[in-house]
Amino acid sequence: MFKIKVLGSGCSKCQKLAETCSAVADSLELDYQLVKVTDVEEIMEYGVMSTPALVIDEQVKLTGRLASPAEFKALMLAHIESSV
């Protein structure tokens, strides 16, 4: 199971990133858990200074901007490939 985290305050960009991640992960038929992290102290533990941020299996993959569906798919597929 993949653990996908969206770090941020819960703003509209954070919500959009979570929606994109969920839609793409579903389309890839992945076994995943999506977690929204809004606690500032927990976000800081990742060294993230700007949100939204994307974390896949405890690895920060993107900070400070949204990922398009194609970009998230590429990030996810690269992560899967590196995990094999």
N, C-alpha and C. Protein backbone atom coordinates (compact mmCIF):
# COMPACT_ATOMS: atom_id res chain seq x y z
N MET A 1 0.84 -1.18 0.00
CA MET A 1 0.00 0.00 0.00
C MET A 1 0.89 1.24 0.00
N PHE A 2 0.53 2.19 -0.85
CA PHE A 2 1.24 3.45 -0.91
C PHE A 2 0.58 4.44 0.03
N LYS A 3 1.40 5.24 0.69
CA LYS A 3 0.88 6.28 1.58
C LYS A 3 1.17 7.63 0.93
N ILE A 4 0.11 8.32 0.54
CA ILE A 4 0.21 9.61 -0.12
C ILE A 4 -0.26 10.67 0.87
N LYS A 5 0.57 11.68 1.08
CA LYS A 5 0.21 12.77 1.99
C LYS A 5 0.20 14.09 1.24
N VAL A 6 -0.82 14.88 1.51
CA VAL A 6 -0.89 16.25 1.01
C VAL A 6 -0.70 17.14 2.23
N LEU A 7 0.37 17.92 2.20
CA LEU A 7 0.69 18.81 3.32
C LEU A 7 0.21 20.21 3.00
N GLY A 8 -0.51 20.82 3.92
CA GLY A 8 -0.96 22.19 3.72
C GLY A 8 -2.05 22.57 4.70
N SER A 9 -2.47 23.81 4.59
CA SER A 9 -3.43 24.37 5.53
C SER A 9 -4.87 23.92 5.30
N GLY A 10 -5.10 23.28 4.19
CA GLY A 10 -6.47 22.90 3.83
C GLY A 10 -7.08 23.89 2.85
N CYS A 11 -6.25 24.74 2.27
CA CYS A 11 -6.71 25.75 1.32
C CYS A 11 -7.20 25.07 0.03
N SER A 12 -7.73 25.87 -0.88
CA SER A 12 -8.28 25.31 -2.11
C SER A 12 -7.21 24.59 -2.94
N LYS A 13 -5.98 25.08 -2.93
CA LYS A 13 -4.91 24.40 -3.69
C LYS A 13 -4.59 23.04 -3.07
N CYS A 14 -4.59 22.97 -1.74
CA CYS A 14 -4.33 21.71 -1.06
C CYS A 14 -5.44 20.71 -1.37
N GLN A 15 -6.67 21.18 -1.36
CA GLN A 15 -7.81 20.32 -1.67
C GLN A 15 -7.74 19.82 -3.11
N LYS A 16 -7.36 20.70 -4.03
CA LYS A 16 -7.26 20.33 -5.44
C LYS A 16 -6.16 19.28 -5.63
N LEU A 17 -5.02 19.45 -4.95
CA LEU A 17 -3.94 18.47 -5.05
C LEU A 17 -4.41 17.11 -4.53
N ALA A 18 -5.14 17.10 -3.43
CA ALA A 18 -5.66 15.84 -2.87
C ALA A 18 -6.62 15.18 -3.85
N GLU A 19 -7.49 15.97 -4.47
CA GLU A 19 -8.43 15.44 -5.45
C GLU A 19 -7.71 14.84 -6.65
N THR A 20 -6.68 15.54 -7.14
CA THR A 20 -5.90 15.06 -8.27
C THR A 20 -5.22 13.75 -7.94
N CYS A 21 -4.59 13.70 -6.78
CA CYS A 21 -3.88 12.48 -6.36
C CYS A 21 -4.84 11.31 -6.25
N SER A 22 -5.98 11.54 -5.65
CA SER A 22 -6.96 10.48 -5.47
C SER A 22 -7.48 9.98 -6.82
N ALA A 23 -7.80 10.90 -7.72
CA ALA A 23 -8.34 10.51 -9.03
C ALA A 23 -7.31 9.71 -9.83
N VAL A 24 -6.06 10.16 -9.82
CA VAL A 24 -5.02 9.45 -10.59
C VAL A 24 -4.71 8.10 -9.96
N ALA A 25 -4.58 8.05 -8.64
CA ALA A 25 -4.30 6.78 -7.96
C ALA A 25 -5.42 5.78 -8.22
N ASP A 26 -6.66 6.26 -8.22
CA ASP A 26 -7.79 5.39 -8.53
C ASP A 26 -7.70 4.89 -9.98
N SER A 27 -7.36 5.78 -10.91
CA SER A 27 -7.28 5.39 -12.32
C SER A 27 -6.17 4.36 -12.56
N LEU A 28 -5.12 4.42 -11.72
CA LEU A 28 -4.02 3.45 -11.82
C LEU A 28 -4.32 2.16 -11.03
N GLU A 29 -5.48 2.15 -10.37
CA GLU A 29 -5.91 1.02 -9.55
C GLU A 29 -4.88 0.68 -8.47
N LEU A 30 -4.36 1.72 -7.84
CA LEU A 30 -3.36 1.54 -6.78
C LEU A 30 -4.03 1.26 -5.44
N ASP A 31 -3.33 0.52 -4.62
CA ASP A 31 -3.73 0.33 -3.23
C ASP A 31 -3.02 1.45 -2.46
N TYR A 32 -3.78 2.45 -2.02
CA TYR A 32 -3.17 3.62 -1.39
C TYR A 32 -4.02 4.15 -0.26
N GLN A 33 -3.37 4.97 0.56
CA GLN A 33 -4.05 5.71 1.61
C GLN A 33 -3.68 7.17 1.41
N LEU A 34 -4.67 8.04 1.34
CA LEU A 34 -4.44 9.47 1.18
C LEU A 34 -4.68 10.15 2.53
N VAL A 35 -3.68 10.89 2.99
CA VAL A 35 -3.76 11.58 4.27
C VAL A 35 -3.53 13.07 4.03
N LYS A 36 -4.39 13.90 4.60
CA LYS A 36 -4.20 15.34 4.53
C LYS A 36 -3.59 15.80 5.85
N VAL A 37 -2.42 16.41 5.78
CA VAL A 37 -1.71 16.86 6.97
C VAL A 37 -1.82 18.38 7.04
N THR A 38 -2.47 18.89 8.08
CA THR A 38 -2.65 20.33 8.23
C THR A 38 -1.88 20.90 9.42
N ASP A 39 -1.35 20.05 10.27
CA ASP A 39 -0.61 20.50 11.45
C ASP A 39 0.73 21.09 11.03
N VAL A 40 0.94 22.36 11.37
CA VAL A 40 2.15 23.07 10.94
C VAL A 40 3.42 22.39 11.45
N GLU A 41 3.42 21.93 12.68
CA GLU A 41 4.61 21.28 13.22
C GLU A 41 4.93 19.99 12.46
N GLU A 42 3.91 19.22 12.12
CA GLU A 42 4.13 17.99 11.35
C GLU A 42 4.63 18.32 9.94
N ILE A 43 4.09 19.36 9.33
CA ILE A 43 4.55 19.79 8.00
C ILE A 43 6.02 20.19 8.07
N MET A 44 6.40 20.91 9.11
CA MET A 44 7.78 21.37 9.26
C MET A 44 8.75 20.20 9.43
N GLU A 45 8.29 19.08 9.97
CA GLU A 45 9.14 17.90 10.13
C GLU A 45 9.63 17.37 8.78
N TYR A 46 8.89 17.68 7.72
CA TYR A 46 9.29 17.27 6.37
C TYR A 46 10.24 18.28 5.72
N GLY A 47 10.50 19.38 6.40
CA GLY A 47 11.37 20.41 5.84
C GLY A 47 10.68 21.24 4.76
N VAL A 48 9.38 21.19 4.73
CA VAL A 48 8.60 21.90 3.72
C VAL A 48 8.38 23.33 4.17
N MET A 49 8.73 24.27 3.29
CA MET A 49 8.57 25.68 3.62
C MET A 49 7.40 26.32 2.88
N SER A 50 6.90 25.67 1.82
CA SER A 50 5.75 26.20 1.11
C SER A 50 4.81 25.06 0.74
N THR A 51 3.54 25.35 0.82
CA THR A 51 2.53 24.34 0.55
C THR A 51 1.67 24.80 -0.63
N PRO A 52 0.96 23.91 -1.26
CA PRO A 52 0.81 22.51 -0.90
C PRO A 52 2.08 21.72 -1.21
N ALA A 53 2.21 20.60 -0.53
CA ALA A 53 3.33 19.71 -0.77
C ALA A 53 2.80 18.28 -0.86
N LEU A 54 3.53 17.47 -1.60
CA LEU A 54 3.14 16.10 -1.83
C LEU A 54 4.22 15.17 -1.31
N VAL A 55 3.81 14.19 -0.50
CA VAL A 55 4.73 13.21 0.06
C VAL A 55 4.21 11.83 -0.32
N ILE A 56 5.09 11.01 -0.90
CA ILE A 56 4.73 9.63 -1.23
C ILE A 56 5.65 8.72 -0.45
N ASP A 57 5.07 7.87 0.38
CA ASP A 57 5.84 6.94 1.22
C ASP A 57 6.98 7.65 1.94
N GLU A 58 6.63 8.77 2.58
CA GLU A 58 7.55 9.57 3.41
C GLU A 58 8.66 10.27 2.62
N GLN A 59 8.53 10.36 1.31
CA GLN A 59 9.50 11.09 0.48
C GLN A 59 8.80 12.31 -0.12
N VAL A 60 9.34 13.50 0.15
CA VAL A 60 8.77 14.73 -0.40
C VAL A 60 9.03 14.73 -1.91
N LYS A 61 7.96 14.85 -2.68
CA LYS A 61 8.06 14.80 -4.13
C LYS A 61 7.79 16.15 -4.79
N LEU A 62 7.06 17.04 -4.10
CA LEU A 62 6.65 18.29 -4.71
C LEU A 62 6.33 19.29 -3.62
N THR A 63 6.75 20.53 -3.77
CA THR A 63 6.41 21.57 -2.79
C THR A 63 6.04 22.88 -3.47
N GLY A 64 5.12 23.58 -2.84
CA GLY A 64 4.79 24.93 -3.25
C GLY A 64 3.93 25.11 -4.47
N ARG A 65 3.39 24.01 -5.01
CA ARG A 65 2.55 24.16 -6.20
C ARG A 65 1.71 22.91 -6.40
N LEU A 66 0.75 23.04 -7.29
CA LEU A 66 -0.10 21.91 -7.65
C LEU A 66 0.61 21.04 -8.67
N ALA A 67 0.23 19.79 -8.70
CA ALA A 67 0.69 18.88 -9.75
C ALA A 67 -0.48 18.62 -10.68
N SER A 68 -0.22 18.66 -11.97
CA SER A 68 -1.26 18.28 -12.92
C SER A 68 -1.48 16.78 -12.79
N PRO A 69 -2.60 16.28 -13.30
CA PRO A 69 -2.80 14.82 -13.27
C PRO A 69 -1.64 14.08 -13.96
N ALA A 70 -1.18 14.58 -15.09
CA ALA A 70 -0.08 13.92 -15.80
C ALA A 70 1.21 13.94 -14.98
N GLU A 71 1.48 15.05 -14.30
CA GLU A 71 2.70 15.14 -13.49
C GLU A 71 2.61 14.20 -12.28
N PHE A 72 1.45 14.16 -11.62
CA PHE A 72 1.31 13.25 -10.49
C PHE A 72 1.44 11.80 -10.95
N LYS A 73 0.85 11.48 -12.09
CA LYS A 73 0.95 10.11 -12.62
C LYS A 73 2.41 9.75 -12.87
N ALA A 74 3.17 10.67 -13.46
CA ALA A 74 4.59 10.43 -13.71
C ALA A 74 5.35 10.25 -12.41
N LEU A 75 5.08 11.08 -11.41
CA LEU A 75 5.73 10.95 -10.10
C LEU A 75 5.40 9.61 -9.46
N MET A 76 4.14 9.22 -9.54
CA MET A 76 3.71 7.97 -8.93
C MET A 76 4.34 6.77 -9.64
N LEU A 77 4.34 6.78 -10.97
CA LEU A 77 4.93 5.67 -11.72
C LEU A 77 6.43 5.58 -11.48
N ALA A 78 7.11 6.72 -11.39
CA ALA A 78 8.55 6.71 -11.09
C ALA A 78 8.80 6.16 -9.70
N HIS A 79 7.93 6.50 -8.76
CA HIS A 79 8.07 5.99 -7.39
C HIS A 79 7.85 4.48 -7.36
N ILE A 80 6.85 4.02 -8.08
CA ILE A 80 6.59 2.57 -8.14
C ILE A 80 7.79 1.86 -8.73
N GLU A 81 8.33 2.40 -9.81
CA GLU A 81 9.48 1.78 -10.47
C GLU A 81 10.70 1.72 -9.55
N SER A 82 10.92 2.78 -8.78
CA SER A 82 12.08 2.81 -7.88
C SER A 82 11.88 1.92 -6.66
N SER A 83 10.62 1.55 -6.38
CA SER A 83 10.33 0.69 -5.23
C SER A 83 10.49 -0.78 -5.53
N VAL A 84 10.57 -1.12 -6.79
CA VAL A 84 10.63 -2.54 -7.20
C VAL A 84 11.98 -3.12 -6.98
